[in-house]
Protein backbone atom coordinates (compact mmCIF):
# COMPACT_ATOMS: atom_id res chain seq x y z
CA MET A 1 143.90 -15.94 -63.71
CA ILE A 2 141.31 -18.55 -62.60
CA TYR A 3 141.21 -20.10 -66.05
CA ARG A 4 138.97 -23.00 -65.11
CA SER A 5 136.32 -20.32 -64.50
CA CYS A 6 137.04 -18.37 -67.68
CA ILE A 7 135.61 -19.01 -71.12
CA PHE A 8 138.48 -18.81 -73.59
CA LEU A 9 136.70 -17.53 -76.63
CA THR A 10 140.03 -17.37 -78.40
CA PHE A 11 141.06 -20.98 -77.75
CA LEU A 12 141.03 -22.98 -80.97
CA VAL A 13 142.70 -26.12 -82.25
CA LEU A 14 146.50 -25.82 -82.40
CA THR A 15 147.78 -25.43 -85.93
CA CYS A 16 151.37 -24.66 -86.84
CA CYS A 17 152.19 -21.84 -89.15
CA GLY A 18 155.32 -21.47 -91.22
CA THR A 19 157.42 -18.55 -92.25
CA PRO A 20 155.21 -15.49 -92.84
CA THR A 21 154.52 -14.64 -96.45
CA GLN A 22 156.02 -11.39 -97.69
CA LYS A 23 153.16 -8.88 -97.83
CA ARG A 24 153.27 -5.67 -99.80
CA GLY A 25 155.71 -3.33 -98.07
CA LEU A 26 156.27 -5.75 -95.19
CA THR A 27 159.90 -6.19 -94.20
CA GLU A 28 160.83 -8.82 -91.65
CA ILE A 29 163.53 -7.86 -89.15
CA PRO A 30 165.76 -10.42 -87.43
CA THR A 31 165.47 -10.30 -83.65
CA PRO A 32 168.17 -10.90 -81.03
CA THR A 33 165.91 -13.33 -79.18
CA GLY A 34 166.95 -16.80 -78.08
CA PRO A 35 165.31 -20.24 -78.48
CA GLY A 36 161.88 -20.45 -76.92
CA SER A 37 161.41 -16.68 -76.83
CA HIS A 38 157.82 -15.54 -76.54
CA LEU A 39 155.51 -12.91 -74.99
CA PRO A 40 156.80 -9.98 -77.08
CA TYR A 41 155.88 -6.44 -76.11
CA LEU A 42 156.48 -3.23 -78.08
CA THR A 43 156.64 0.28 -76.68
CA SER A 44 157.63 3.68 -78.04
CA ASP A 45 158.38 7.10 -76.61
CA SER A 46 157.86 10.71 -77.66
CA THR A 47 161.21 10.75 -79.49
CA GLY A 48 160.13 7.92 -81.80
CA ASN A 49 162.25 5.18 -80.27
CA ILE A 50 160.90 1.63 -80.44
CA PHE A 51 161.77 -1.02 -77.87
CA LEU A 52 160.97 -4.74 -77.92
CA SER A 53 160.83 -6.87 -74.78
CA TRP A 54 160.36 -10.62 -74.52
CA VAL A 55 160.61 -13.59 -72.17
CA GLU A 56 162.83 -16.56 -72.89
CA PRO A 57 163.75 -19.68 -70.90
CA LEU A 58 167.33 -20.01 -69.73
CA ALA A 59 169.25 -23.04 -71.00
CA ASP A 60 169.41 -26.00 -68.61
CA SER A 61 167.26 -24.12 -66.10
CA GLU A 62 163.66 -23.62 -65.04
CA ASN A 63 164.35 -19.89 -64.89
CA HIS A 64 163.04 -17.31 -67.32
CA ALA A 65 164.64 -14.00 -68.24
CA LEU A 66 163.12 -10.71 -69.37
CA HIS A 67 165.16 -8.93 -72.05
CA PHE A 68 164.70 -5.86 -74.21
CA SER A 69 166.30 -4.39 -77.30
CA LYS A 70 166.12 -1.03 -79.07
CA LEU A 71 165.22 -0.84 -82.75
CA ASN A 72 167.82 1.30 -84.47
CA GLU A 73 167.62 1.94 -88.22
CA ARG A 74 165.63 -1.27 -88.78
CA LYS A 75 168.04 -3.35 -86.71
CA PHE A 76 167.69 -4.47 -83.13
CA LEU A 77 170.65 -3.67 -80.89
CA LYS A 78 172.33 -6.02 -78.46
CA PRO A 79 169.72 -7.03 -75.87
CA THR A 80 169.73 -5.90 -72.25
CA SER A 81 168.65 -8.23 -69.45
CA ILE A 82 166.31 -6.77 -66.85
CA ALA A 83 165.72 -9.69 -64.48
CA GLN A 84 165.43 -13.46 -64.28
CA SER A 85 163.73 -15.90 -61.93
CA GLY A 86 162.28 -19.35 -61.54
CA LYS A 87 159.25 -18.00 -59.68
CA TRP A 88 157.53 -15.98 -62.36
CA PHE A 89 153.98 -16.63 -63.45
CA VAL A 90 154.52 -16.94 -67.21
CA ASN A 91 151.22 -16.68 -69.03
CA TRP A 92 150.10 -16.18 -72.64
CA ALA A 93 147.69 -13.31 -71.89
CA ASP A 94 149.27 -11.62 -68.86
CA TYR A 95 152.65 -10.75 -70.30
CA PRO A 96 155.44 -8.50 -68.95
CA THR A 97 155.64 -4.93 -70.22
CA ILE A 98 158.20 -2.15 -70.39
CA ILE A 99 157.94 1.64 -70.78
CA SER A 100 160.40 4.16 -72.17
CA ASN A 101 160.96 7.84 -71.52
CA GLY A 102 163.67 10.21 -72.64
CA GLY A 103 165.06 7.74 -75.15
CA ASP A 104 165.48 4.68 -72.97
CA VAL A 105 163.54 2.04 -71.06
CA ILE A 106 162.85 3.17 -67.50
CA ALA A 107 160.60 0.49 -66.01
CA ALA A 108 159.37 -3.08 -66.46
CA HIS A 109 156.94 -5.39 -64.77
CA VAL A 110 156.64 -9.15 -64.36
CA LEU A 111 154.40 -11.43 -62.30
CA ASN A 112 155.95 -13.25 -59.36
CA LYS A 113 154.30 -16.31 -57.82
CA THR A 114 153.59 -16.14 -54.09
CA PRO A 115 152.72 -18.89 -51.59
CA GLY A 116 149.12 -19.69 -50.77
CA ASN A 117 147.26 -20.65 -53.93
CA THR A 118 147.88 -21.97 -57.42
CA TYR A 119 146.99 -18.59 -58.87
CA SER A 120 148.46 -16.24 -56.30
CA TYR A 121 151.06 -13.83 -57.61
CA ASN A 122 152.14 -10.20 -57.33
CA VAL A 123 153.02 -7.46 -59.77
CA ASN A 124 156.78 -6.93 -59.52
CA MET A 125 158.18 -3.73 -61.00
CA TYR A 126 161.83 -3.09 -61.89
CA LEU A 127 163.15 0.46 -62.24
CA ARG A 128 166.15 1.65 -64.22
CA ASP A 129 168.75 3.24 -61.95
CA GLY A 130 171.77 3.20 -64.23
CA ALA A 131 172.95 2.41 -67.73
CA ASP A 132 172.58 -1.33 -67.18
CA ALA A 133 171.47 -1.37 -63.54
CA TRP A 134 167.98 -2.19 -62.33
CA SER A 135 166.48 -1.87 -58.87
CA GLY A 136 163.59 -3.87 -57.52
CA PRO A 137 161.37 -5.62 -57.43
CA VAL A 138 158.85 -3.07 -56.20
CA VAL A 139 155.34 -4.33 -55.41
CA PRO A 140 152.84 -1.52 -56.08
CA HIS A 141 150.00 -3.08 -54.05
CA ALA A 142 150.21 -3.11 -50.25
CA ASP A 143 147.91 -6.06 -49.52
CA SER A 144 149.42 -9.39 -48.57
CA THR A 145 146.59 -11.61 -49.79
CA ALA A 146 147.42 -14.84 -51.61
CA THR A 147 145.42 -13.76 -54.64
CA GLU A 148 145.92 -12.70 -58.24
CA HIS A 149 147.49 -9.36 -59.13
CA GLY A 150 148.24 -8.81 -62.78
CA PHE A 151 147.31 -7.45 -66.21
CA ALA A 152 149.26 -4.31 -65.36
CA SER A 153 149.71 -1.27 -67.59
CA MET A 154 152.27 1.49 -67.09
CA ILE A 155 153.04 4.93 -68.53
CA PRO A 156 155.70 7.54 -67.66
CA TRP A 157 154.29 10.08 -65.24
CA ASN A 158 156.57 13.10 -65.13
CA GLU A 159 159.72 11.55 -63.66
CA ASP A 160 157.75 8.67 -62.12
CA VAL A 161 155.61 5.75 -63.32
CA LEU A 162 151.81 5.50 -63.22
CA ALA A 163 150.65 1.88 -63.03
CA ILE A 164 147.25 0.18 -63.00
CA TRP A 165 146.53 -3.50 -62.43
CA LEU A 166 143.81 -6.03 -61.70
CA ASP A 167 143.83 -6.66 -57.96
CA GLY A 168 142.32 -9.77 -56.39
CA ARG A 169 142.39 -8.85 -52.70
CA ARG A 170 138.57 -9.01 -52.49
CA THR A 171 138.69 -12.55 -53.90
CA ALA A 172 140.68 -13.89 -50.94
CA ASN A 173 139.13 -17.17 -49.74
CA ARG A 174 136.60 -17.06 -52.58
CA SER A 175 135.40 -20.56 -53.42
CA GLU A 176 134.44 -21.81 -56.87
CA LYS A 177 130.79 -21.53 -55.88
CA GLU A 178 131.35 -17.87 -55.01
CA TYR A 179 132.81 -16.89 -58.37
CA PHE A 180 129.59 -15.06 -59.25
CA ASN A 181 129.45 -13.28 -55.88
CA ILE A 182 129.88 -9.68 -56.97
CA ASP A 183 131.04 -8.73 -53.48
CA LYS A 184 134.14 -10.88 -54.04
CA ALA A 185 135.01 -9.60 -57.49
CA MET A 186 138.31 -8.45 -58.93
CA THR A 187 139.14 -4.74 -58.55
CA LEU A 188 141.14 -2.25 -60.62
CA ARG A 189 143.74 -0.24 -58.70
CA SER A 190 146.58 2.17 -59.35
CA ALA A 191 149.64 3.80 -57.82
CA VAL A 192 152.39 6.22 -58.76
CA ILE A 193 155.85 4.71 -58.30
CA SER A 194 158.80 7.04 -57.97
CA ARG A 195 162.16 6.20 -59.49
CA ASP A 196 163.51 5.36 -56.02
CA GLY A 197 160.81 2.70 -55.58
CA THR A 198 158.46 4.66 -53.32
CA VAL A 199 154.78 3.83 -53.90
CA ASN A 200 152.57 6.92 -53.79
CA HIS A 201 148.90 7.75 -54.26
CA PRO A 202 147.43 4.23 -54.09
CA LYS A 203 143.89 4.34 -55.49
CA LYS A 204 140.96 2.04 -56.21
CA ILE A 205 139.59 2.83 -59.67
CA ASP A 206 136.75 0.29 -59.88
CA GLN A 207 135.63 -2.25 -57.31
CA THR A 208 134.08 -4.73 -59.76
CA VAL A 209 135.90 -5.66 -62.96
CA CYS A 210 136.42 -8.66 -65.23
CA ASP A 211 138.88 -11.20 -63.82
CA CYS A 212 141.43 -11.65 -66.60
CA CYS A 213 141.14 -9.10 -69.41
CA ASN A 214 144.16 -6.94 -70.08
CA THR A 215 144.05 -3.27 -69.12
CA ALA A 216 145.25 -0.25 -71.14
CA LEU A 217 146.57 3.17 -70.15
CA ALA A 218 147.34 6.34 -72.12
CA GLN A 219 148.38 9.90 -71.35
CA THR A 220 146.60 12.98 -72.68
CA SER A 221 147.58 16.63 -72.24
CA ASN A 222 145.17 16.70 -69.31
CA GLY A 223 145.87 13.56 -67.30
CA ALA A 224 145.71 9.86 -68.06
CA VAL A 225 142.92 7.54 -69.20
CA ALA A 226 142.57 3.89 -68.15
CA ALA A 227 140.54 1.45 -70.26
CA TYR A 228 139.45 -1.98 -69.04
CA ARG A 229 136.60 -4.51 -69.07
CA ASN A 230 134.05 -3.79 -66.37
CA ARG A 231 131.67 -6.26 -64.70
CA THR A 232 128.16 -5.36 -63.53
CA ASP A 233 125.87 -7.12 -61.08
CA ASP A 234 124.06 -8.85 -63.95
CA GLU A 235 127.31 -9.90 -65.71
CA ILE A 236 127.45 -7.24 -68.40
CA ARG A 237 131.14 -6.96 -69.31
CA ASP A 238 131.69 -3.91 -71.50
CA ILE A 239 134.68 -1.60 -71.89
CA TYR A 240 134.89 1.28 -69.41
CA VAL A 241 137.26 4.21 -68.94
CA SER A 242 138.31 6.37 -66.03
CA ARG A 243 140.38 9.58 -66.17
CA TYR A 244 143.24 10.35 -63.78
CA VAL A 245 143.37 14.10 -63.09
CA ASN A 246 145.00 15.81 -60.10
CA ASN A 247 145.81 12.45 -58.49
CA GLU A 248 142.17 11.32 -58.52
CA TRP A 249 140.23 8.94 -60.77
CA THR A 250 136.88 9.98 -62.20
CA ALA A 251 133.82 7.77 -61.93
CA PRO A 252 134.13 4.95 -64.50
CA VAL A 253 131.90 5.18 -67.59
CA PRO A 254 131.37 2.84 -70.57
CA VAL A 255 132.85 3.84 -73.90
CA HIS A 256 129.79 2.18 -75.42
CA ASN A 257 126.97 -0.01 -74.12
CA ASP A 258 127.48 -3.23 -76.07
CA ASN A 259 125.58 -5.03 -73.30
CA TRP A 260 127.72 -8.14 -73.67
CA LYS A 261 126.34 -10.50 -71.07
CA ILE A 262 128.82 -13.26 -70.36
CA ALA A 263 129.15 -15.19 -67.11
CA ALA A 264 132.92 -15.56 -67.39
CA CYS A 265 135.98 -13.67 -68.52
CA PRO A 266 136.63 -13.59 -72.30
CA VAL A 267 140.37 -12.80 -71.83
CA ASN A 268 140.15 -9.97 -74.36
CA GLY A 269 140.76 -6.46 -73.09
CA PRO A 270 140.86 -3.07 -74.85
CA ALA A 271 143.65 -1.02 -76.43
CA ILE A 272 143.99 2.75 -76.09
CA ALA A 273 146.00 5.59 -77.62
CA ALA A 274 145.95 9.33 -77.00
CA SER A 275 147.34 12.55 -78.45
CA ASP A 276 146.63 15.89 -76.79
CA SER A 277 142.83 15.83 -76.21
CA LEU A 278 142.10 12.98 -78.63
CA VAL A 279 141.63 9.48 -77.18
CA THR A 280 140.82 6.34 -79.20
CA VAL A 281 139.81 2.98 -77.74
CA ALA A 282 139.51 -0.31 -79.67
CA TRP A 283 138.10 -3.57 -78.32
CA TYR A 284 136.56 -6.98 -78.99
CA THR A 285 132.97 -7.87 -78.18
CA ALA A 286 130.65 -10.78 -78.82
CA ALA A 287 127.42 -9.18 -77.64
CA ASN A 288 124.31 -10.96 -78.93
CA GLY A 289 126.51 -13.73 -80.27
CA LYS A 290 128.12 -11.47 -82.91
CA ARG A 291 131.89 -11.19 -82.78
CA MET A 292 133.19 -7.72 -83.62
CA ILE A 293 136.15 -5.38 -83.33
CA LYS A 294 134.99 -1.85 -82.56
CA ALA A 295 136.66 1.52 -82.10
CA THR A 296 135.50 4.86 -80.71
CA SER A 297 137.12 8.24 -80.16
CA SER A 298 136.88 11.13 -77.73
CA SER A 299 137.93 14.72 -78.42
CA ASP A 300 137.64 15.83 -74.79
CA TYR A 301 140.37 13.81 -73.06
CA GLY A 302 138.24 10.68 -72.70
CA THR A 303 135.23 12.34 -71.06
CA THR A 304 132.72 11.45 -73.78
CA PHE A 305 132.97 9.11 -76.77
CA SER A 306 131.44 9.00 -80.24
CA ASP A 307 129.35 6.14 -81.57
CA PRO A 308 131.71 3.26 -82.31
CA LYS A 309 132.88 2.18 -85.74
CA ILE A 310 132.82 -1.51 -86.65
CA ILE A 311 136.35 -2.45 -87.66
CA SER A 312 135.62 -6.13 -88.29
CA ASP A 313 132.50 -8.28 -88.07
CA GLU A 314 133.80 -11.21 -90.06
CA SER A 315 135.43 -13.73 -87.72
CA PRO A 316 137.65 -11.78 -85.34
CA LEU A 317 139.34 -13.44 -82.39
CA GLY A 318 140.18 -10.10 -80.80
CA ARG A 319 143.58 -9.49 -79.17
CA VAL A 320 143.55 -5.91 -80.39
CA ASP A 321 146.32 -3.35 -80.44
CA LEU A 322 146.21 0.33 -81.33
CA ALA A 323 148.55 3.13 -82.38
CA MET A 324 147.87 6.74 -83.34
CA ASP A 325 149.80 9.19 -85.56
CA LEU A 326 150.08 12.96 -85.12
CA SER A 327 147.06 13.59 -87.35
CA GLY A 328 144.88 11.52 -85.05
CA LYS A 329 144.60 8.60 -87.45
CA ALA A 330 144.26 5.32 -85.54
CA TYR A 331 145.93 2.07 -86.64
CA ILE A 332 144.08 -0.96 -85.25
CA SER A 333 145.35 -4.54 -85.38
CA TRP A 334 143.57 -7.75 -84.43
CA MET A 335 143.53 -11.49 -85.04
CA GLU A 336 141.06 -12.88 -87.59
CA LYS A 337 140.03 -16.52 -88.10
CA SER A 338 138.82 -17.80 -91.45
CA ASN A 339 138.01 -21.35 -92.54
CA THR A 340 141.58 -22.02 -93.59
CA GLU A 341 143.87 -19.66 -91.67
CA THR A 342 144.33 -17.21 -88.84
CA THR A 343 145.89 -13.85 -89.65
CA LEU A 344 147.03 -10.62 -88.07
CA ARG A 345 145.18 -7.77 -89.77
CA VAL A 346 145.29 -3.99 -89.57
CA LYS A 347 143.01 -1.11 -90.57
CA THR A 348 143.07 2.67 -90.15
CA VAL A 349 140.38 5.03 -88.92
CA ASP A 350 140.91 8.76 -89.48
CA ARG A 351 139.42 11.62 -87.48
CA MET A 352 136.49 11.83 -89.90
CA GLY A 353 135.61 8.19 -89.26
CA ASN A 354 136.81 6.89 -92.62
CA ILE A 355 137.95 3.26 -92.42
CA SER A 356 140.59 1.79 -94.74
CA GLU A 357 140.64 -1.64 -96.31
CA ALA A 358 142.17 -4.35 -94.13
CA GLN A 359 145.77 -5.36 -94.72
CA THR A 360 147.03 -8.80 -93.72
CA ILE A 361 150.36 -8.71 -91.91
CA THR A 362 151.12 -12.39 -91.29
CA ASN A 363 149.66 -15.82 -90.62
CA LEU A 364 149.43 -16.81 -86.97
CA ASN A 365 148.76 -19.83 -84.82
CA ALA A 366 145.11 -19.68 -83.80
CA SER A 367 145.62 -20.97 -80.27
CA ARG A 368 146.36 -18.97 -77.15
CA LYS A 369 150.01 -20.05 -77.47
CA SER A 370 150.50 -17.27 -80.00
CA GLY A 371 149.69 -14.73 -77.29
CA PHE A 372 148.88 -11.12 -78.10
CA PRO A 373 150.51 -9.67 -81.25
CA GLN A 374 152.03 -6.23 -80.77
CA MET A 375 152.05 -3.07 -82.88
CA GLU A 376 153.79 0.31 -82.46
CA LEU A 377 154.20 3.41 -84.60
CA SER A 378 157.48 5.21 -85.27
CA GLY A 379 157.59 8.02 -87.78
CA GLY A 380 156.14 6.73 -91.03
CA THR A 381 156.42 3.07 -90.13
CA LEU A 382 154.42 0.52 -88.18
CA VAL A 383 156.37 -2.12 -86.27
CA PHE A 384 154.79 -5.51 -85.54
CA ALA A 385 155.86 -8.30 -83.20
CA TRP A 386 154.30 -11.72 -82.65
CA THR A 387 155.06 -15.20 -81.38
CA SER A 388 155.59 -17.86 -84.01
CA VAL A 389 154.53 -21.32 -82.81
CA GLY A 390 156.19 -24.40 -84.27
CA ASP A 391 158.43 -26.97 -82.65
CA THR A 392 159.29 -24.15 -80.24
CA PHE A 393 158.36 -20.51 -79.70
CA SER A 394 160.15 -17.67 -81.47
CA VAL A 395 159.54 -13.93 -81.56
CA GLN A 396 159.13 -12.46 -85.03
CA THR A 397 159.11 -8.78 -86.01
CA ALA A 398 158.42 -6.80 -89.17
CA THR A 399 157.86 -3.24 -90.36
CA MET A 400 155.44 -1.77 -92.87
CA PRO A 401 155.28 1.81 -94.24
CA LEU A 402 152.11 3.66 -93.34
CA ASP A 403 151.48 4.38 -97.02
CA ASP A 404 150.95 0.66 -97.60
CA ILE A 405 148.22 0.48 -94.97
CA ASP A 406 146.22 3.64 -95.63
């Protein structure tokens, strides 16, 4: 996004990290990724399948390719290529995603640069229309402004795809001096995309949101819930949710009033997970100068939320992820910075609010080059993916039994 206007709270001095240390119960899994692979993303479906996607540069080319692979009995299968291009906007925080349904990947999204401005690009969606065939790209937003469209989230929606994204059409022709003009703020929008590429039910969810924090989307048994970082007239940027029921979005509400006043984007959005009527949201905040990871739950489909639990108040960098098991126990991961190292950590929170001890998964590079670590749940195992930063990028993955985290 407009990074010269954003405060990168997570940007620290670049330090290389070596091969991750074997943690208790942690098993590293070789990936089918190529040299320079980065921007990993993990997704799962109702049948317990886990899929990994990533971006890698093509040899002797300025092009990048988006690939994915299925995890099968602790081994990744031969990768499938979705698309490739030399016009993608490849960014550490605004990474491509995929979604699966019925045992296979059905949709993916990337960002495609468009003429007009340095930071003008569209959300491009690709839809599965055969065993190894993909159609697209489909652009879910109808405006033709040379502005930023990104930080998309997708979930299966019956036989279709529900997508949300940050939409910059109101920022068209916005100057640097007008960055704080609330009337020219970023918006949050949605659409339902059918498998034939038709864009239906375009909606505006919120007309004033943070410029470059990732969004999150989950499905309950009574609609969907979107989580994102809002922006008020006086620059309070807390986490809000809106529910999608009967093709309409409810009025956005905060999950908690942290009252984090920050006159720029922290590039640190929320994570969400849902099961039946239970919805859990985890996020990073630095309200009142105190960095924290928090989590809160709702038992009424995301309508109201409990008082949040503090997951970490040591030295978190944020970049949270979240998974939930059938009992409603939430698994929350985040990056933590100490005096000597940066690590990926994970804790659990059960339905009674009990919080486990933190487990360290791996050492990470502290800079934004390491991107956003990923976590997914399959059966009795958590799967992790992250970008290792050394002489080049490489995607690393590992599994850990849930018994070793509780």
